Amino acid sequence: VFVGNSLPIRNWDLAADRAKCLRVHASRGANGIDGQLATAIGGATEGYTHWALLGDLTTIYDMSSMLLAGKGLDFKLVVVNNGGGQIFSNLFKNPAFQNPQDLNFQDLSRSMGWEYILGSEGLDHKGFGKGRGRQLIEILPEKSETEAIQKKYGALCAL
C-alpha cells in the first residue's frame, strides 16, 4: 500500500488497522503532491497487488505517470475525489486556495488504458478492488463527510 500526500497520510495514521500485515509506504514530496503517483508505480512489481491511496489534486498533478504502469501490473489507484485540496479549507477562507476541480476521472482512466471503478459501484457489483490489472477506483465523499472528519480530528489533520 502506498499512501501519498499530506492529508491521506494523516488520515491513514488515524484510521488504519494496524493489526493487518501490510507493507505501507508513504511520501509527502517537497510540496506534498509532486511525483506521488510516479513513486507509487515505480515501487510496484509484477506478481504482487499494489494499492495507492491518493487525493484528487495529487492524482491530477501527476496523472501522466499512469502511462508508466505496464499492462501486466496489478495496481489499484484509489482516488479520494472531494473536489480539490480540502486540507486547505481550514486555513483559507477563499475557496480558490483549495484549487477546486471537476475532472472526470472515468475519462482520465480510460484515456490511460486503465479500468475505471466508481467506489460505490465497485462495492456493489465488482467487489472492491477485485480482478487484476490497472484500476482507478474513485471515491466520492460528500462534502459533509470531509468536514466531519476535519472537525473530529481537528489539529491532527491540520498542516
Protein backbone atom coordinates (compact mmCIF):
# COMPACT_ATOMS: atom_id res chain seq x y z
CA VAL A 1 0.00 0.00 0.00
CA PHE A 2 1.31 3.44 -0.93
CA VAL A 3 -0.23 6.49 0.75
CA GLY A 4 0.58 9.78 -0.86
CA ASN A 5 0.50 13.42 0.09
CA SER A 6 -0.25 15.14 3.32
CA LEU A 7 -3.89 14.60 4.29
CA PRO A 8 -4.25 10.92 3.24
CA ILE A 9 -1.12 10.08 5.26
CA ARG A 10 -2.58 11.77 8.32
CA ASN A 11 -5.95 10.06 7.84
CA TRP A 12 -4.26 6.67 7.32
CA ASP A 13 -2.34 7.11 10.57
CA LEU A 14 -5.56 7.93 12.40
CA ALA A 15 -7.75 5.17 10.99
CA ALA A 16 -5.63 2.29 9.65
CA ASP A 17 -6.00 -1.16 11.13
CA ARG A 18 -2.52 -1.81 12.46
CA ALA A 19 -3.28 -5.50 13.06
CA LYS A 20 -3.06 -6.20 9.33
CA CYS A 21 0.30 -7.32 7.99
CA LEU A 22 0.69 -4.81 5.18
CA ARG A 23 3.74 -3.13 3.78
CA VAL A 24 2.88 0.54 3.84
CA HIS A 25 4.95 3.20 2.09
CA ALA A 26 4.33 6.92 2.08
CA SER A 27 5.74 10.07 0.63
CA ARG A 28 4.91 13.69 1.21
CA GLY A 29 7.13 15.09 -1.54
CA ALA A 30 8.75 18.51 -1.46
CA ASN A 31 5.38 20.21 -1.86
CA GLY A 32 3.12 17.35 -0.86
CA ILE A 33 1.80 16.29 -4.26
CA ASP A 34 4.73 16.18 -6.67
CA GLY A 35 5.71 12.77 -8.02
CA GLN A 36 3.40 10.75 -5.79
CA LEU A 37 1.89 8.54 -8.48
CA ALA A 38 5.25 8.05 -10.20
CA THR A 39 6.75 6.99 -6.85
CA ALA A 40 3.93 4.53 -6.17
CA ILE A 41 4.09 2.98 -9.64
CA GLY A 42 7.90 2.93 -9.60
CA GLY A 43 7.85 0.84 -6.43
CA ALA A 44 5.40 -1.70 -7.81
CA THR A 45 6.48 -5.05 -9.24
CA GLU A 46 4.65 -7.65 -11.28
CA GLY A 47 3.35 -10.65 -9.38
CA TYR A 48 2.03 -8.59 -6.45
CA THR A 49 -1.08 -6.50 -5.92
CA HIS A 50 -0.25 -2.87 -5.22
CA TRP A 51 -2.58 -0.21 -3.85
CA ALA A 52 -2.10 3.55 -3.87
CA LEU A 53 -4.35 5.96 -1.96
CA LEU A 54 -4.10 9.49 -3.32
CA GLY A 55 -6.10 12.67 -3.28
CA ASP A 56 -7.68 14.13 -6.39
CA LEU A 57 -5.23 17.03 -6.81
CA THR A 58 -2.27 14.73 -6.25
CA THR A 59 -3.52 12.39 -8.98
CA ILE A 60 -4.21 15.25 -11.40
CA TYR A 61 -0.79 16.77 -10.78
CA ASP A 62 0.97 13.51 -11.68
CA MET A 63 -1.62 11.85 -13.96
CA SER A 64 0.78 11.29 -16.85
CA SER A 65 2.57 8.78 -14.61
CA MET A 66 -0.34 6.40 -15.18
CA LEU A 67 1.33 5.69 -18.51
CA LEU A 68 4.33 4.22 -16.62
CA ALA A 69 2.34 1.28 -15.28
CA GLY A 70 2.83 -1.71 -17.57
CA LYS A 71 -0.20 -3.73 -18.65
CA GLY A 72 0.97 -6.71 -16.56
CA LEU A 73 0.96 -4.70 -13.33
CA ASP A 74 -1.78 -5.34 -10.76
CA PHE A 75 -2.18 -1.78 -9.49
CA LYS A 76 -5.20 -0.28 -7.74
CA LEU A 77 -5.17 3.52 -7.67
CA VAL A 78 -7.76 4.77 -5.16
CA VAL A 79 -8.52 8.45 -5.74
CA VAL A 80 -10.38 10.33 -2.99
CA ASN A 81 -12.13 12.93 -5.10
CA ASN A 82 -13.53 15.61 -2.82
CA GLY A 83 -13.34 18.34 -5.44
CA GLY A 84 -9.99 19.87 -4.55
CA GLY A 85 -7.47 20.40 -1.78
CA GLN A 86 -9.79 20.20 1.22
CA ILE A 87 -6.86 20.28 3.63
CA PHE A 88 -6.69 24.00 2.86
CA SER A 89 -10.34 24.69 3.76
CA ASN A 90 -9.38 25.11 7.44
CA LEU A 91 -6.62 27.57 6.61
CA PHE A 92 -8.05 29.87 3.96
CA LYS A 93 -11.49 31.46 3.65
CA ASN A 94 -11.07 31.96 -0.10
CA PRO A 95 -12.02 28.68 -1.87
CA ALA A 96 -9.53 29.45 -4.65
CA PHE A 97 -6.79 28.22 -2.30
CA GLN A 98 -8.43 24.77 -2.33
CA ASN A 99 -7.87 24.53 -6.10
CA PRO A 100 -11.38 23.30 -6.85
CA GLN A 101 -11.58 20.82 -9.71
CA ASP A 102 -14.24 18.81 -11.54
CA LEU A 103 -12.12 16.42 -13.61
CA ASN A 104 -13.85 13.34 -14.93
CA PHE A 105 -11.68 10.53 -13.57
CA GLN A 106 -13.58 7.96 -15.61
CA ASP A 107 -12.44 9.64 -18.83
CA LEU A 108 -8.91 10.02 -17.44
CA SER A 109 -8.59 6.35 -16.53
CA ARG A 110 -9.90 5.16 -19.88
CA SER A 111 -7.62 7.52 -21.79
CA MET A 112 -4.67 5.96 -19.93
CA GLY A 113 -5.83 2.40 -20.63
CA TRP A 114 -6.94 1.70 -17.05
CA GLU A 115 -10.20 0.16 -15.86
CA TYR A 116 -12.44 2.64 -14.02
CA ILE A 117 -14.47 1.69 -10.94
CA LEU A 118 -16.69 4.13 -9.07
CA GLY A 119 -16.21 3.25 -5.41
CA SER A 120 -19.87 2.59 -4.64
CA GLU A 121 -20.30 0.52 -7.80
CA GLY A 122 -17.17 -1.45 -7.00
CA LEU A 123 -18.62 -2.39 -3.64
CA ASP A 124 -21.96 -3.44 -5.07
CA HIS A 125 -21.06 -5.11 -8.33
CA LYS A 126 -17.42 -5.95 -8.89
CA GLY A 127 -16.08 -6.42 -5.40
CA PHE A 128 -13.85 -3.58 -4.26
CA GLY A 129 -10.51 -3.96 -5.98
CA LYS A 130 -11.28 -7.47 -7.24
CA GLY A 131 -9.82 -8.55 -10.50
CA ARG A 132 -6.32 -7.93 -11.75
CA GLY A 133 -4.76 -5.18 -13.73
CA ARG A 134 -4.61 -1.42 -13.63
CA GLN A 135 -7.68 0.00 -11.95
CA LEU A 136 -8.59 3.54 -10.94
CA ILE A 137 -11.12 3.39 -8.10
CA GLU A 138 -12.75 6.75 -7.48
CA ILE A 139 -14.21 7.54 -4.05
CA LEU A 140 -16.60 10.49 -3.93
CA PRO A 141 -17.08 11.58 -0.29
CA GLU A 142 -19.83 14.04 0.47
CA LYS A 143 -18.61 17.49 1.49
CA SER A 144 -20.24 16.96 4.89
CA GLU A 145 -18.21 13.74 5.38
CA THR A 146 -14.95 15.57 4.68
CA GLU A 147 -15.95 18.37 7.06
CA ALA A 148 -16.94 15.88 9.78
CA ILE A 149 -13.53 14.17 9.63
CA GLN A 150 -11.74 17.51 9.79
CA LYS A 151 -13.88 18.63 12.72
CA LYS A 152 -13.46 15.34 14.61
CA TYR A 153 -9.70 15.16 14.26
CA GLY A 154 -9.08 18.91 14.20
CA ALA A 155 -5.43 19.79 14.71
CA LEU A 156 -4.32 16.23 13.93
CA CYS A 157 -5.33 16.79 10.31
CA ALA A 158 -4.02 20.34 10.06
CA LEU A 159 -0.91 21.26 8.14
